[in-house]
Amino acid sequence: MSSVEIELKLSVQPDAIPAVRQQLFQFPHDYTSPQHLTNSYFETPDNQLRRWDMGLRIRGCNEHYEMTIKTAGKVMGGLHQRPEFNVPLPQPELDLTRFPNAIWPENTDLVQLQTQLTALFSTDFNREKWLITYGESEIEVVLDQGTIFSGNKKSGDQAAPICEFELELKQGNVADILSLANQLASQNGLRLANKSKAARGYALVYGVLHDALPKMALPKIPEELDWQQPLSVLLPEILTQWQEQEEGWLAGLPEGKTGLAQVFQWIITLIEKQAERLPVLDLLADLLPELKAALSMSGSGAENVSYSASWLQCKLALMQWLLDQSR
């Protein structure tokens, strides 16, 4: 079975979870109590799937198994859209022939590919779920809490925590996901997260998670943008730079904080260059002074600032602006 997954991922600080859960129960919903999920992610020694922008996993839940492959998609701001294919399995064993042939690059030898695949990392977490009726849409909200393990859980390799909400559009309008996220963002403790569990798993395996990032350098942020470009180009660039600089600052790189100040200056310039006053621009204009002030404080910490309500609301406003341009 295939579908196009449209989702928004929000990292959450543990002490903010009770308040967000309470909000979710206020909407019309169907609730599923926590279930224990295990996932094994597969890759070849030369990272062939990653180079094809594919992710392959087997998920287990209550002795039921499902094989899933996600193929190349697109990210608009922090909104992920990726085609995925799901196949039920009697046992947790790979069988690539059960996916449609059309998803593979031309002349792929599936037999050879399958012999090269091994479990690269795994996840083990509890998932709580709400199917919410919101606006004109049905949105599935899940809370995942657990751990990513490099290699095998039993091998004692490196681990990283999972603590996140995911909002996935089941049917309806993409704008409703942003609107719901904005309501949840009325309190501190949530942060837009671009990295999937698979991306974080690869990072864990290859040693580029937060504890290793300070050994690296952030890409140099441009001093200026080409303001002659359309908004459909400028806004994704601003959002991408914001996310990269934020991740660097959270990882302990002081230049990330400097880069964020530059990003906010771009947003101010962009607002000034827009003749029409959309409601989203008014919201951005209100939030930016607060965010710039938070950044300029000598003792401002990356965690406190990046997980603040106004920080997330500003990002969501930019994403809404980008969505408005694509209509």
C-alpha atoms as a PDB file:
ATOM      1  CA  MET A   1       0.000   0.000   0.000  1.00  0.00           C
ATOM      2  CA  SER A   2       1.406   3.419  -0.915  1.00  0.00           C
ATOM      3  CA  SER A   3       0.688   6.929   0.319  1.00  0.00           C
ATOM      4  CA  VAL A   4       2.282  10.375   0.513  1.00  0.00           C
ATOM      5  CA  GLU A   5       3.144  11.194   4.101  1.00  0.00           C
ATOM      6  CA  ILE A   6       2.706  14.858   5.074  1.00  0.00           C
ATOM      7  CA  GLU A   7       3.909  15.502   8.593  1.00  0.00           C
ATOM      8  CA  LEU A   8       5.347  18.017  11.016  1.00  0.00           C
ATOM      9  CA  LYS A   9       7.731  16.895  13.747  1.00  0.00           C
ATOM     10  CA  LEU A  10       8.056  18.709  17.079  1.00  0.00           C
ATOM     11  CA  SER A  11      10.768  17.862  19.572  1.00  0.00           C
ATOM     12  CA  VAL A  12       9.396  18.252  23.101  1.00  0.00           C
ATOM     13  CA  GLN A  13      11.011  18.776  26.481  1.00  0.00           C
ATOM     14  CA  PRO A  14       9.749  16.101  28.914  1.00  0.00           C
ATOM     15  CA  ASP A  15       8.299  18.556  31.427  1.00  0.00           C
ATOM     16  CA  ALA A  16       6.115  20.117  28.680  1.00  0.00           C
ATOM     17  CA  ILE A  17       4.446  16.818  27.731  1.00  0.00           C
ATOM     18  CA  PRO A  18       1.576  16.873  30.297  1.00  0.00           C
ATOM     19  CA  ALA A  19       0.339  20.295  29.161  1.00  0.00           C
ATOM     20  CA  VAL A  20       0.457  19.343  25.461  1.00  0.00           C
ATOM     21  CA  ARG A  21      -1.388  16.074  26.149  1.00  0.00           C
ATOM     22  CA  GLN A  22      -4.058  18.031  28.027  1.00  0.00           C
ATOM     23  CA  GLN A  23      -4.483  20.325  24.996  1.00  0.00           C
ATOM     24  CA  LEU A  24      -4.871  17.375  22.632  1.00  0.00           C
ATOM     25  CA  PHE A  25      -7.642  15.856  24.728  1.00  0.00           C
ATOM     26  CA  GLN A  26      -9.652  19.088  24.296  1.00  0.00           C
ATOM     27  CA  PHE A  27     -10.120  18.531  20.541  1.00  0.00           C
ATOM     28  CA  PRO A  28     -12.610  16.048  19.045  1.00  0.00           C
ATOM     29  CA  HIS A  29     -10.516  12.878  18.849  1.00  0.00           C
ATOM     30  CA  ASP A  30     -10.102   9.113  18.900  1.00  0.00           C
ATOM     31  CA  TYR A  31      -7.442   8.102  21.390  1.00  0.00           C
ATOM     32  CA  THR A  32      -5.095   5.106  21.345  1.00  0.00           C
ATOM     33  CA  SER A  33      -3.243   4.314  24.578  1.00  0.00           C
ATOM     34  CA  PRO A  34       0.537   3.817  24.414  1.00  0.00           C
ATOM     35  CA  GLN A  35       1.847   0.914  22.334  1.00  0.00           C
ATOM     36  CA  HIS A  36       5.376  -0.444  22.328  1.00  0.00           C
ATOM     37  CA  LEU A  37       7.036  -0.236  18.894  1.00  0.00           C
ATOM     38  CA  THR A  38      10.360  -1.610  17.707  1.00  0.00           C
ATOM     39  CA  ASN A  39      11.965  -0.684  14.396  1.00  0.00           C
ATOM     40  CA  SER A  40      15.031  -1.988  12.605  1.00  0.00           C
ATOM     41  CA  TYR A  41      16.482   0.201   9.845  1.00  0.00           C
ATOM     42  CA  PHE A  42      18.458  -1.464   7.071  1.00  0.00           C
ATOM     43  CA  GLU A  43      21.335  -0.286   4.908  1.00  0.00           C
ATOM     44  CA  THR A  44      24.141  -1.593   2.716  1.00  0.00           C
ATOM     45  CA  PRO A  45      27.834  -1.189   3.633  1.00  0.00           C
ATOM     46  CA  ASP A  46      28.156   1.634   1.094  1.00  0.00           C
ATOM     47  CA  ASN A  47      24.902   3.395   2.134  1.00  0.00           C
ATOM     48  CA  GLN A  48      23.188   2.715  -1.189  1.00  0.00           C
ATOM     49  CA  LEU A  49      19.680   3.397   0.150  1.00  0.00           C
ATOM     50  CA  ARG A  50      20.774   6.666   1.700  1.00  0.00           C
ATOM     51  CA  ARG A  51      22.325   7.745  -1.607  1.00  0.00           C
ATOM     52  CA  TRP A  52      18.986   6.991  -3.286  1.00  0.00           C
ATOM     53  CA  ASP A  53      17.275   9.068  -0.559  1.00  0.00           C
ATOM     54  CA  MET A  54      15.401   5.988   0.638  1.00  0.00           C
ATOM     55  CA  GLY A  55      14.732   4.673   4.122  1.00  0.00           C
ATOM     56  CA  LEU A  56      13.896   1.011   4.794  1.00  0.00           C
ATOM     57  CA  ARG A  57      12.618  -0.415   8.065  1.00  0.00           C
ATOM     58  CA  ILE A  58      10.708  -3.294   9.632  1.00  0.00           C
ATOM     59  CA  ARG A  59       8.358  -2.302  12.448  1.00  0.00           C
ATOM     60  CA  GLY A  60       7.112  -4.668  15.131  1.00  0.00           C
ATOM     61  CA  CYS A  61       4.075  -4.160  17.372  1.00  0.00           C
ATOM     62  CA  ASN A  62       2.366  -6.925  19.367  1.00  0.00           C
ATOM     63  CA  GLU A  63       3.936  -9.660  17.227  1.00  0.00           C
ATOM     64  CA  HIS A  64       2.699  -7.967  14.020  1.00  0.00           C
ATOM     65  CA  TYR A  65       5.279  -6.769  11.511  1.00  0.00           C
ATOM     66  CA  GLU A  66       5.301  -4.265   8.669  1.00  0.00           C
ATOM     67  CA  MET A  67       8.002  -3.455   6.124  1.00  0.00           C
ATOM     68  CA  THR A  68       8.124   0.185   5.020  1.00  0.00           C
ATOM     69  CA  ILE A  69      10.210   2.052   2.484  1.00  0.00           C
ATOM     70  CA  LYS A  70      10.169   5.842   2.199  1.00  0.00           C
ATOM     71  CA  THR A  71      11.361   7.306  -1.088  1.00  0.00           C
ATOM     72  CA  ALA A  72      12.645  10.754  -2.062  1.00  0.00           C
ATOM     73  CA  GLY A  73      10.249  13.550  -1.196  1.00  0.00           C
ATOM     74  CA  LYS A  74      10.471  17.242  -0.390  1.00  0.00           C
ATOM     75  CA  VAL A  75      10.646  19.479   2.651  1.00  0.00           C
ATOM     76  CA  MET A  76       8.830  22.819   2.635  1.00  0.00           C
ATOM     77  CA  GLY A  77      10.167  24.680   5.622  1.00  0.00           C
ATOM     78  CA  GLY A  78       9.729  22.012   8.276  1.00  0.00           C
ATOM     79  CA  LEU A  79       6.862  20.218   6.540  1.00  0.00           C
ATOM     80  CA  HIS A  80       7.871  16.812   5.232  1.00  0.00           C
ATOM     81  CA  GLN A  81       6.200  15.186   2.203  1.00  0.00           C
ATOM     82  CA  ARG A  82       7.538  11.718   1.294  1.00  0.00           C
ATOM     83  CA  PRO A  83       5.972   8.830  -0.639  1.00  0.00           C
ATOM     84  CA  GLU A  84       5.978   5.650   1.418  1.00  0.00           C
ATOM     85  CA  PHE A  85       5.066   2.004   0.763  1.00  0.00           C
ATOM     86  CA  ASN A  86       3.932  -0.386   3.505  1.00  0.00           C
ATOM     87  CA  VAL A  87       3.750  -4.190   3.333  1.00  0.00           C
ATOM     88  CA  PRO A  88       2.593  -6.530   6.157  1.00  0.00           C
ATOM     89  CA  LEU A  89       5.009  -9.364   7.000  1.00  0.00           C
ATOM     90  CA  PRO A  90       4.462 -12.717   8.740  1.00  0.00           C
ATOM     91  CA  GLN A  91       7.978 -12.520  10.229  1.00  0.00           C
ATOM     92  CA  PRO A  92      10.503  -9.664  10.685  1.00  0.00           C
ATOM     93  CA  GLU A  93      12.435 -10.647   7.565  1.00  0.00           C
ATOM     94  CA  LEU A  94      13.113  -8.464   4.511  1.00  0.00           C
ATOM     95  CA  ASP A  95      11.469  -9.260   1.183  1.00  0.00           C
ATOM     96  CA  LEU A  96      12.151  -6.401  -1.250  1.00  0.00           C
ATOM     97  CA  THR A  97      10.208  -8.114  -4.052  1.00  0.00           C
ATOM     98  CA  ARG A  98       6.972  -7.200  -2.270  1.00  0.00           C
ATOM     99  CA  PHE A  99       7.475  -3.503  -3.069  1.00  0.00           C
ATOM    100  CA  PRO A 100       6.426  -2.107  -6.481  1.00  0.00           C
ATOM    101  CA  ASN A 101       9.207  -2.433  -9.068  1.00  0.00           C
ATOM    102  CA  ALA A 102       8.694   1.169 -10.155  1.00  0.00           C
ATOM    103  CA  ILE A 103      10.174   2.612  -6.948  1.00  0.00           C
ATOM    104  CA  TRP A 104      13.660   1.262  -7.660  1.00  0.00           C
ATOM    105  CA  PRO A 105      16.248   2.905  -9.928  1.00  0.00           C
ATOM    106  CA  GLU A 106      16.492   1.316 -13.344  1.00  0.00           C
ATOM    107  CA  ASN A 107      18.420  -1.997 -13.521  1.00  0.00           C
ATOM    108  CA  THR A 108      18.433  -2.510  -9.740  1.00  0.00           C
ATOM    109  CA  ASP A 109      19.312  -6.107  -8.858  1.00  0.00           C
ATOM    110  CA  LEU A 110      16.954  -6.698  -5.921  1.00  0.00           C
ATOM    111  CA  VAL A 111      18.402 -10.097  -5.043  1.00  0.00           C
ATOM    112  CA  GLN A 112      21.910  -8.678  -4.761  1.00  0.00           C
ATOM    113  CA  LEU A 113      20.665  -5.584  -2.928  1.00  0.00           C
ATOM    114  CA  GLN A 114      18.842  -7.664  -0.330  1.00  0.00           C
ATOM    115  CA  THR A 115      21.903  -9.804   0.389  1.00  0.00           C
ATOM    116  CA  GLN A 116      23.864  -6.626   1.182  1.00  0.00           C
ATOM    117  CA  LEU A 117      21.325  -5.194   3.631  1.00  0.00           C
ATOM    118  CA  THR A 118      21.892  -5.436   7.383  1.00  0.00           C
ATOM    119  CA  ALA A 119      20.320  -3.723  10.404  1.00  0.00           C
ATOM    120  CA  LEU A 120      22.260  -0.479  10.847  1.00  0.00           C
ATOM    121  CA  PHE A 121      20.345   0.950  13.807  1.00  0.00           C
ATOM    122  CA  SER A 122      17.100   0.426  15.683  1.00  0.00           C
ATOM    123  CA  THR A 123      14.498   2.346  17.655  1.00  0.00           C
ATOM    124  CA  ASP A 124      12.537   1.251  20.696  1.00  0.00           C
ATOM    125  CA  PHE A 125       9.756   3.536  21.917  1.00  0.00           C
ATOM    126  CA  ASN A 126       6.214   3.881  23.234  1.00  0.00           C
ATOM    127  CA  ARG A 127       3.696   5.607  20.965  1.00  0.00           C
ATOM    128  CA  GLU A 128       0.565   7.363  22.185  1.00  0.00           C
ATOM    129  CA  LYS A 129      -1.883   8.476  19.511  1.00  0.00           C
ATOM    130  CA  TRP A 130      -4.723  10.945  18.941  1.00  0.00           C
ATOM    131  CA  LEU A 131      -6.727  11.101  15.687  1.00  0.00           C
ATOM    132  CA  ILE A 132      -7.987  14.669  15.825  1.00  0.00           C
ATOM    133  CA  THR A 133     -10.709  16.395  13.858  1.00  0.00           C
ATOM    134  CA  TYR A 134      -9.403  19.905  13.323  1.00  0.00           C
ATOM    135  CA  GLY A 135     -10.722  22.519  10.897  1.00  0.00           C
ATOM    136  CA  GLU A 136     -11.496  20.654   7.689  1.00  0.00           C
ATOM    137  CA  SER A 137      -8.971  17.901   8.394  1.00  0.00           C
ATOM    138  CA  GLU A 138      -8.185  14.706  10.203  1.00  0.00           C
ATOM    139  CA  ILE A 139      -4.738  14.921  11.784  1.00  0.00           C
ATOM    140  CA  GLU A 140      -2.994  12.085  13.553  1.00  0.00           C
ATOM    141  CA  VAL A 141      -0.865  13.285  16.465  1.00  0.00           C
ATOM    142  CA  VAL A 142       1.530  10.821  18.051  1.00  0.00           C
ATOM    143  CA  LEU A 143       3.780  11.137  21.060  1.00  0.00           C
ATOM    144  CA  ASP A 144       6.903   8.970  20.829  1.00  0.00           C
ATOM    145  CA  GLN A 145       9.151   8.412  23.851  1.00  0.00           C
ATOM    146  CA  GLY A 146      12.057   6.001  23.789  1.00  0.00           C
ATOM    147  CA  THR A 147      15.554   5.454  22.400  1.00  0.00           C
ATOM    148  CA  ILE A 148      17.546   5.157  19.164  1.00  0.00           C
ATOM    149  CA  PHE A 149      20.302   2.534  19.265  1.00  0.00           C
ATOM    150  CA  SER A 150      23.189   2.245  16.847  1.00  0.00           C
ATOM    151  CA  GLY A 151      23.539  -1.359  15.670  1.00  0.00           C
ATOM    152  CA  ASN A 152      21.481  -3.683  17.839  1.00  0.00           C
ATOM    153  CA  LYS A 153      19.727  -2.813  21.099  1.00  0.00           C
ATOM    154  CA  LYS A 154      21.399  -5.788  22.797  1.00  0.00           C
ATOM    155  CA  SER A 155      24.880  -4.863  21.605  1.00  0.00           C
ATOM    156  CA  GLY A 156      25.255  -1.951  24.026  1.00  0.00           C
ATOM    157  CA  ASP A 157      26.213   0.530  21.294  1.00  0.00           C
ATOM    158  CA  GLN A 158      25.548   4.271  21.403  1.00  0.00           C
ATOM    159  CA  ALA A 159      22.044   5.546  22.126  1.00  0.00           C
ATOM    160  CA  ALA A 160      20.048   8.793  21.795  1.00  0.00           C
ATOM    161  CA  PRO A 161      16.663   9.717  23.295  1.00  0.00           C
ATOM    162  CA  ILE A 162      13.381   9.999  21.374  1.00  0.00           C
ATOM    163  CA  CYS A 163      10.944  12.566  22.758  1.00  0.00           C
ATOM    164  CA  GLU A 164       8.739  14.099  20.071  1.00  0.00           C
ATOM    165  CA  PHE A 165       5.268  14.790  18.778  1.00  0.00           C
ATOM    166  CA  GLU A 166       4.481  14.104  15.119  1.00  0.00           C
ATOM    167  CA  LEU A 167       1.500  15.656  13.350  1.00  0.00           C
ATOM    168  CA  GLU A 168       0.488  13.788  10.187  1.00  0.00           C
ATOM    169  CA  LEU A 169      -2.257  14.885   7.802  1.00  0.00           C
ATOM    170  CA  LYS A 170      -4.588  11.968   7.163  1.00  0.00           C
ATOM    171  CA  GLN A 171      -7.052  13.954   5.075  1.00  0.00           C
ATOM    172  CA  GLY A 172      -7.848  17.613   4.555  1.00  0.00           C
ATOM    173  CA  ASN A 173      -5.681  20.735   4.277  1.00  0.00           C
ATOM    174  CA  VAL A 174      -1.975  21.186   4.978  1.00  0.00           C
ATOM    175  CA  ALA A 175      -2.774  24.596   6.495  1.00  0.00           C
ATOM    176  CA  ASP A 176      -4.663  22.854   9.312  1.00  0.00           C
ATOM    177  CA  ILE A 177      -1.475  21.076  10.456  1.00  0.00           C
ATOM    178  CA  LEU A 178       0.269  24.454  10.805  1.00  0.00           C
ATOM    179  CA  SER A 179      -2.734  25.898  12.605  1.00  0.00           C
ATOM    180  CA  LEU A 180      -2.899  22.997  15.068  1.00  0.00           C
ATOM    181  CA  ALA A 181       0.856  23.184  15.666  1.00  0.00           C
ATOM    182  CA  ASN A 182       0.481  26.897  16.337  1.00  0.00           C
ATOM    183  CA  GLN A 183      -2.117  26.198  19.012  1.00  0.00           C
ATOM    184  CA  LEU A 184       0.145  23.638  20.667  1.00  0.00           C
ATOM    185  CA  ALA A 185       2.945  26.220  20.485  1.00  0.00           C
ATOM    186  CA  SER A 186       1.091  28.528  22.867  1.00  0.00           C
ATOM    187  CA  GLN A 187       3.422  27.254  25.609  1.00  0.00           C
ATOM    188  CA  ASN A 188       7.155  26.707  25.940  1.00  0.00           C
ATOM    189  CA  GLY A 189       8.842  23.340  25.461  1.00  0.00           C
ATOM    190  CA  LEU A 190       8.309  22.539  21.760  1.00  0.00           C
ATOM    191  CA  ARG A 191      10.758  22.950  18.881  1.00  0.00           C
ATOM    192  CA  LEU A 192      10.438  22.303  15.148  1.00  0.00           C
ATOM    193  CA  ALA A 193      12.621  19.282  14.349  1.00  0.00           C
ATOM    194  CA  ASN A 194      13.703  18.557  10.771  1.00  0.00           C
ATOM    195  CA  LYS A 195      15.493  15.264  11.410  1.00  0.00           C
ATOM    196  CA  SER A 196      13.515  12.035  11.142  1.00  0.00           C
ATOM    197  CA  LYS A 197      14.288   9.085  13.401  1.00  0.00           C
ATOM    198  CA  ALA A 198      16.074   7.527  10.414  1.00  0.00           C
ATOM    199  CA  ALA A 199      18.240  10.618   9.893  1.00  0.00           C
ATOM    200  CA  ARG A 200      19.078  10.687  13.604  1.00  0.00           C
ATOM    201  CA  GLY A 201      19.904   6.976  13.460  1.00  0.00           C
ATOM    202  CA  TYR A 202      22.369   7.504  10.619  1.00  0.00           C
ATOM    203  CA  ALA A 203      23.871  10.430  12.560  1.00  0.00           C
ATOM    204  CA  LEU A 204      24.263   8.257  15.638  1.00  0.00           C
ATOM    205  CA  VAL A 205      25.979   5.495  13.686  1.00  0.00           C
ATOM    206  CA  TYR A 206      28.388   7.863  11.971  1.00  0.00           C
ATOM    207  CA  GLY A 207      29.122   9.992  15.012  1.00  0.00           C
ATOM    208  CA  VAL A 208      27.598  13.308  14.038  1.00  0.00           C
ATOM    209  CA  LEU A 209      25.061  13.709  16.822  1.00  0.00           C
ATOM    210  CA  HIS A 210      25.211  16.673  19.177  1.00  0.00           C
ATOM    211  CA  ASP A 211      28.124  15.426  21.243  1.00  0.00           C
ATOM    212  CA  ALA A 212      30.279  15.246  18.101  1.00  0.00           C
ATOM    213  CA  LEU A 213      29.059  18.409  16.380  1.00  0.00           C
ATOM    214  CA  PRO A 214      31.370  20.852  18.213  1.00  0.00           C
ATOM    215  CA  LYS A 215      34.273  19.197  16.387  1.00  0.00           C
ATOM    216  CA  MET A 216      32.713  20.333  13.121  1.00  0.00           C
ATOM    217  CA  ALA A 217      32.069  23.756  11.621  1.00  0.00           C
ATOM    218  CA  LEU A 218      28.759  25.239  10.564  1.00  0.00           C
ATOM    219  CA  PRO A 219      28.476  26.141   6.887  1.00  0.00           C
ATOM    220  CA  LYS A 220      29.206  29.840   6.480  1.00  0.00           C
ATOM    221  CA  ILE A 221      25.974  31.800   6.355  1.00  0.00           C
ATOM    222  CA  PRO A 222      25.676  34.253   3.424  1.00  0.00           C
ATOM    223  CA  GLU A 223      26.003  37.906   4.379  1.00  0.00           C
ATOM    224  CA  GLU A 224      23.119  38.840   2.095  1.00  0.00           C
ATOM    225  CA  LEU A 225      20.370  37.213   0.080  1.00  0.00           C
ATOM    226  CA  ASP A 226      19.435  37.909  -3.532  1.00  0.00           C
ATOM    227  CA  TRP A 227      16.259  39.895  -2.894  1.00  0.00           C
ATOM    228  CA  GLN A 228      15.299  39.718  -6.581  1.00  0.00           C
ATOM    229  CA  GLN A 229      14.402  36.052  -6.111  1.00  0.00           C
ATOM    230  CA  PRO A 230      10.733  35.115  -5.614  1.00  0.00           C
ATOM    231  CA  LEU A 231       9.377  34.402  -2.136  1.00  0.00           C
ATOM    232  CA  SER A 232       9.098  30.726  -3.053  1.00  0.00           C
ATOM    233  CA  VAL A 233      12.923  30.678  -3.161  1.00  0.00           C
ATOM    234  CA  LEU A 234      13.739  33.154  -0.387  1.00  0.00           C
ATOM    235  CA  LEU A 235      11.514  31.661   2.319  1.00  0.00           C
ATOM    236  CA  PRO A 236      12.855  28.080   2.079  1.00  0.00           C
ATOM    237  CA  GLU A 237      16.412  29.454   2.162  1.00  0.00           C
ATOM    238  CA  ILE A 238      15.658  31.476   5.302  1.00  0.00           C
ATOM    239  CA  LEU A 239      13.977  28.513   7.010  1.00  0.00           C
ATOM    240  CA  THR A 240      16.830  26.173   6.073  1.00  0.00           C
ATOM    241  CA  GLN A 241      19.462  28.569   7.418  1.00  0.00           C
ATOM    242  CA  TRP A 242      17.435  29.119  10.584  1.00  0.00           C
ATOM    243  CA  GLN A 243      17.276  25.365  11.215  1.00  0.00           C
ATOM    244  CA  GLU A 244      20.980  24.799  10.496  1.00  0.00           C
ATOM    245  CA  GLN A 245      22.158  27.670  12.679  1.00  0.00           C
ATOM    246  CA  GLU A 246      19.789  26.621  15.476  1.00  0.00           C
ATOM    247  CA  GLU A 247      21.059  23.017  15.398  1.00  0.00           C
ATOM    248  CA  GLY A 248      24.608  24.322  15.583  1.00  0.00           C
ATOM    249  CA  TRP A 249      23.853  26.580  18.540  1.00  0.00           C
ATOM    250  CA  LEU A 250      22.116  23.723  20.365  1.00  0.00           C
ATOM    251  CA  ALA A 251      25.226  21.627  19.703  1.00  0.00           C
ATOM    252  CA  GLY A 252      27.438  24.210  21.408  1.00  0.00           C
ATOM    253  CA  LEU A 253      28.706  26.159  18.412  1.00  0.00           C
ATOM    254  CA  PRO A 254      28.640  29.899  19.310  1.00  0.00           C
ATOM    255  CA  GLU A 255      28.657  30.899  15.630  1.00  0.00           C
ATOM    256  CA  GLY A 256      25.156  29.394  15.412  1.00  0.00           C
ATOM    257  CA  LYS A 257      23.860  32.185  17.640  1.00  0.00           C
ATOM    258  CA  THR A 258      25.553  34.782  15.412  1.00  0.00           C
ATOM    259  CA  GLY A 259      24.044  33.146  12.338  1.00  0.00           C
ATOM    260  CA  LEU A 260      20.568  33.298  13.880  1.00  0.00           C
ATOM    261  CA  ALA A 261      20.912  37.048  14.387  1.00  0.00           C
ATOM    262  CA  GLN A 262      21.668  37.296  10.647  1.00  0.00           C
ATOM    263  CA  VAL A 263      18.602  35.177   9.816  1.00  0.00           C
ATOM    264  CA  PHE A 264      16.359  37.470  11.834  1.00  0.00           C
ATOM    265  CA  GLN A 265      17.787  40.494  10.034  1.00  0.00           C
ATOM    266  CA  TRP A 266      16.861  38.816   6.718  1.00  0.00           C
ATOM    267  CA  ILE A 267      13.288  38.308   7.929  1.00  0.00           C
ATOM    268  CA  ILE A 268      13.021  41.964   8.973  1.00  0.00           C
ATOM    269  CA  THR A 269      14.343  43.058   5.567  1.00  0.00           C
ATOM    270  CA  LEU A 270      11.921  40.716   3.787  1.00  0.00           C
ATOM    271  CA  ILE A 271       8.946  42.100   5.713  1.00  0.00           C
ATOM    272  CA  GLU A 272      10.024  45.651   4.868  1.00  0.00           C
ATOM    273  CA  LYS A 273      10.182  44.749   1.182  1.00  0.00           C
ATOM    274  CA  GLN A 274       6.646  43.343   1.123  1.00  0.00           C
ATOM    275  CA  ALA A 275       4.115  46.003   0.182  1.00  0.00           C
ATOM    276  CA  GLU A 276       0.997  43.996   1.105  1.00  0.00           C
ATOM    277  CA  ARG A 277       0.322  43.589   4.811  1.00  0.00           C
ATOM    278  CA  LEU A 278      -0.748  40.037   5.327  1.00  0.00           C
ATOM    279  CA  PRO A 279      -1.823  38.965   8.843  1.00  0.00           C
ATOM    280  CA  VAL A 280       1.165  36.634   8.987  1.00  0.00           C
ATOM    281  CA  LEU A 281       3.520  39.579   8.435  1.00  0.00           C
ATOM    282  CA  ASP A 282       1.962  41.443  11.369  1.00  0.00           C
ATOM    283  CA  LEU A 283       2.532  38.404  13.575  1.00  0.00           C
ATOM    284  CA  LEU A 284       6.163  38.127  12.459  1.00  0.00           C
ATOM    285  CA  ALA A 285       6.715  41.841  13.040  1.00  0.00           C
ATOM    286  CA  ASP A 286       5.376  41.442  16.592  1.00  0.00           C
ATOM    287  CA  LEU A 287       7.474  38.373  17.422  1.00  0.00           C
ATOM    288  CA  LEU A 288      10.841  39.340  15.931  1.00  0.00           C
ATOM    289  CA  PRO A 289      11.807  42.083  18.433  1.00  0.00           C
ATOM    290  CA  GLU A 290      11.234  39.618  21.292  1.00  0.00           C
ATOM    291  CA  LEU A 291      13.373  36.959  19.612  1.00  0.00           C
ATOM    292  CA  LYS A 292      16.182  39.393  18.757  1.00  0.00           C
ATOM    293  CA  ALA A 293      16.203  40.590  22.361  1.00  0.00           C
ATOM    294  CA  ALA A 294      16.401  36.992  23.623  1.00  0.00           C
ATOM    295  CA  LEU A 295      19.365  36.321  21.340  1.00  0.00           C
ATOM    296  CA  SER A 296      21.211  39.484  22.387  1.00  0.00           C
ATOM    297  CA  MET A 297      21.095  38.633  26.104  1.00  0.00           C
ATOM    298  CA  SER A 298      24.548  37.535  27.222  1.00  0.00           C
ATOM    299  CA  GLY A 299      23.245  34.626  29.272  1.00  0.00           C
ATOM    300  CA  SER A 300      20.661  33.357  26.816  1.00  0.00           C
ATOM    301  CA  GLY A 301      20.852  29.601  26.483  1.00  0.00           C
ATOM    302  CA  ALA A 302      20.157  27.680  23.289  1.00  0.00           C
ATOM    303  CA  GLU A 303      17.679  25.324  24.957  1.00  0.00           C
ATOM    304  CA  ASN A 304      15.633  28.084  26.579  1.00  0.00           C
ATOM    305  CA  VAL A 305      15.432  30.198  23.434  1.00  0.00           C
ATOM    306  CA  SER A 306      14.926  27.403  20.874  1.00  0.00           C
ATOM    307  CA  TYR A 307      12.158  25.765  22.883  1.00  0.00           C
ATOM    308  CA  SER A 308      10.268  29.013  23.582  1.00  0.00           C
ATOM    309  CA  ALA A 309       6.719  29.496  22.334  1.00  0.00           C
ATOM    310  CA  SER A 310       7.497  32.689  20.392  1.00  0.00           C
ATOM    311  CA  TRP A 311      10.441  30.987  18.622  1.00  0.00           C
ATOM    312  CA  LEU A 312       8.219  28.192  17.301  1.00  0.00           C
ATOM    313  CA  GLN A 313       5.337  30.536  16.483  1.00  0.00           C
ATOM    314  CA  CYS A 314       7.652  32.674  14.365  1.00  0.00           C
ATOM    315  CA  LYS A 315       8.849  29.640  12.397  1.00  0.00           C
ATOM    316  CA  LEU A 316       5.281  28.452  11.856  1.00  0.00           C
ATOM    317  CA  ALA A 317       4.309  31.920  10.621  1.00  0.00           C
ATOM    318  CA  LEU A 318       7.105  31.769   8.034  1.00  0.00           C
ATOM    319  CA  MET A 319       5.913  28.319   6.969  1.00  0.00           C
ATOM    320  CA  GLN A 320       2.344  29.617   6.653  1.00  0.00           C
ATOM    321  CA  TRP A 321       3.625  32.474   4.502  1.00  0.00           C
ATOM    322  CA  LEU A 322       5.469  29.971   2.309  1.00  0.00           C
ATOM    323  CA  LEU A 323       2.337  27.824   2.037  1.00  0.00           C
ATOM    324  CA  ASP A 324       0.309  30.884   1.013  1.00  0.00           C
ATOM    325  CA  GLN A 325       2.820  31.542  -1.789  1.00  0.00           C
ATOM    326  CA  SER A 326       2.494  27.993  -3.146  1.00  0.00           C
ATOM    327  CA  ARG A 327      -1.281  28.164  -3.561  1.00  0.00           C
END
